[in-house]
Structure formats: structure tokens, C-alpha cells
Amino acid sequence: GHGRPASLLLMKSADMDAADDKGCTPLYKACGAMEDESALYLIQQADQILNKGASNGKTPLRKAAARGHRDIVEAIFEKCNRDMSVLLSKDKKGTTPLHAAAHNGRKDVVEYL
């Protein structure tokens, strides 16, 4: 994991809300890149980026669900105070986190969601 680099960026006042040209935040990228330690650290540090989607509408939760990162899915859902609207959010193709997990065969995440 790269949790230490993520924490170093935050100590240097890096903008966690910053997005690349595709609208991807550091949390979104960590959720998709098997960077569990970084993602969990970023989830604990900020609220405003938890449900911020990329330009395709995919959120960090949807990305983590598709990749089978149950611990990240749980952490985001808990940080959002178990708000069901977070689970029901859809990307531009109408895919929810549950759909993404099921489509990718992530049984553990499907059972949680």
C-alpha cells in the first residue's frame, strides 16, 4: 500500500479534492488501484470527496465495489453514516455499486451491499 505517501501528501496540504483531466480524485484512484491503505486513510480524512465521481459518474464506492474491496466499501458506507442514497448512486450508464460488484463477480461485496 501507499498509505504513508498519502499521509505525507496531506501533511503537505495537498488538495484531496483535486481531480485529474478525467475528474478522478486521489481517493477514486486509490479505490481502483488496489491501494487499500491509502484509500482507507483518505476516507478517514475527508467527507467532501467520498461521493465525488469521475467524469463518467463512477464514484469511489462504485470503483471499490467493482474491484472487490469490501473493506473500502464498508469504510465509505460507514463514513457516509450508512446513507442509502450513496449505495443507490448511479454512474452515467446507470450502474450502481451493487451492479458493478455483481457484474465483476465480487460475491463478498454483493453480500455486504
Protein backbone atom coordinates (compact mmCIF):
# COMPACT_ATOMS: atom_id res chain seq x y z
CA GLY A 1 0.00 0.00 0.00
CA HIS A 2 0.88 3.63 -0.23
CA GLY A 3 -0.83 4.90 2.92
CA ARG A 4 2.32 6.62 4.09
CA PRO A 5 2.68 8.63 0.85
CA ALA A 6 -1.00 9.58 1.12
CA SER A 7 -0.50 10.81 4.68
CA LEU A 8 2.62 12.72 3.62
CA LEU A 9 0.66 14.46 0.88
CA LEU A 10 -1.98 15.51 3.39
CA MET A 11 0.61 16.82 5.81
CA LYS A 12 1.94 18.93 2.94
CA SER A 13 -1.61 20.32 2.50
CA ALA A 14 -2.24 18.56 -0.80
CA ASP A 15 -5.73 19.17 -2.16
CA MET A 16 -7.66 15.91 -1.72
CA ASP A 17 -10.46 17.38 -3.80
CA ALA A 18 -8.14 17.92 -6.78
CA ALA A 19 -9.06 15.89 -9.82
CA ASP A 20 -7.22 14.95 -12.98
CA ASP A 21 -8.49 15.64 -16.50
CA LYS A 22 -10.98 12.76 -16.16
CA GLY A 23 -12.34 14.02 -12.85
CA CYS A 24 -10.59 11.35 -10.77
CA THR A 25 -9.68 12.32 -7.20
CA PRO A 26 -6.86 10.69 -5.21
CA LEU A 27 -9.48 8.59 -3.37
CA TYR A 28 -11.05 7.41 -6.62
CA LYS A 29 -7.65 6.36 -7.96
CA ALA A 30 -6.72 4.60 -4.71
CA CYS A 31 -10.00 2.63 -4.78
CA GLY A 32 -9.27 1.42 -8.29
CA ALA A 33 -5.57 0.71 -7.91
CA MET A 34 -5.58 -1.81 -5.06
CA GLU A 35 -4.26 0.92 -2.73
CA ASP A 36 -6.32 -0.15 0.28
CA GLU A 37 -4.13 1.53 2.88
CA SER A 38 -4.16 4.85 1.01
CA ALA A 39 -7.90 4.65 0.34
CA LEU A 40 -8.73 3.90 3.96
CA TYR A 41 -6.54 6.79 5.10
CA LEU A 42 -8.16 9.20 2.63
CA ILE A 43 -11.66 8.06 3.65
CA GLN A 44 -10.90 8.93 7.27
CA GLN A 45 -9.53 12.37 6.40
CA ALA A 46 -12.28 13.92 4.30
CA ASP A 47 -16.00 13.88 3.78
CA GLN A 48 -16.36 16.02 0.68
CA ILE A 49 -14.65 13.58 -1.70
CA LEU A 50 -16.41 10.39 -0.63
CA ASN A 51 -19.12 10.51 -3.26
CA LYS A 52 -17.39 12.72 -5.82
CA GLY A 53 -17.48 10.87 -9.11
CA ALA A 54 -15.17 10.96 -12.08
CA SER A 55 -16.39 12.46 -15.36
CA ASN A 56 -18.02 9.09 -16.17
CA GLY A 57 -20.07 9.35 -12.96
CA LYS A 58 -18.27 6.47 -11.24
CA THR A 59 -17.76 7.15 -7.53
CA PRO A 60 -15.02 5.79 -5.27
CA LEU A 61 -17.63 3.44 -3.76
CA ARG A 62 -18.62 2.09 -7.16
CA LYS A 63 -14.94 1.64 -8.10
CA ALA A 64 -14.16 -0.19 -4.85
CA ALA A 65 -17.24 -2.41 -5.27
CA ALA A 66 -16.24 -3.33 -8.83
CA ARG A 67 -12.73 -4.21 -7.67
CA GLY A 68 -13.98 -6.30 -4.74
CA HIS A 69 -12.55 -4.12 -1.96
CA ARG A 70 -15.09 -4.92 0.73
CA ASP A 71 -13.13 -3.13 3.47
CA ILE A 72 -13.13 0.08 1.43
CA VAL A 73 -16.83 -0.32 0.54
CA GLU A 74 -17.65 -0.73 4.23
CA ALA A 75 -15.47 2.22 5.26
CA ILE A 76 -17.08 4.58 2.73
CA PHE A 77 -20.61 3.47 3.66
CA GLU A 78 -19.88 3.90 7.38
CA LYS A 79 -18.25 7.32 6.83
CA CYS A 80 -21.39 8.39 4.94
CA ASN A 81 -23.45 7.42 8.01
CA ARG A 82 -24.93 4.42 6.18
CA ASP A 83 -26.81 6.76 3.83
CA MET A 84 -28.68 4.51 1.37
CA SER A 85 -28.52 7.17 -1.36
CA VAL A 86 -24.77 6.52 -1.53
CA LEU A 87 -25.45 2.86 -2.34
CA LEU A 88 -28.08 3.79 -4.90
CA SER A 89 -25.95 6.34 -6.75
CA LYS A 90 -25.58 5.57 -10.46
CA ASP A 91 -22.85 6.32 -12.95
CA LYS A 92 -23.64 7.71 -16.42
CA LYS A 93 -24.57 4.21 -17.63
CA GLY A 94 -26.99 3.71 -14.72
CA THR A 95 -24.74 1.26 -12.86
CA THR A 96 -24.91 1.22 -9.05
CA PRO A 97 -22.14 -0.08 -6.78
CA LEU A 98 -24.15 -3.31 -6.34
CA HIS A 99 -24.46 -3.78 -10.11
CA ALA A 100 -20.71 -3.20 -10.53
CA ALA A 101 -19.85 -5.74 -7.82
CA ALA A 102 -22.22 -8.36 -9.26
CA HIS A 103 -21.04 -7.80 -12.84
CA ASN A 104 -17.45 -8.37 -11.74
CA GLY A 105 -18.22 -11.45 -9.64
CA ARG A 106 -17.43 -9.81 -6.31
CA LYS A 107 -19.64 -12.08 -4.18
CA ASP A 108 -18.29 -10.81 -0.85
CA VAL A 109 -19.15 -7.21 -1.76
CA VAL A 110 -22.55 -8.20 -3.21
CA GLU A 111 -23.45 -9.95 0.06
CA TYR A 112 -22.46 -6.86 2.04
CA LEU A 113 -24.38 -4.43 -0.16
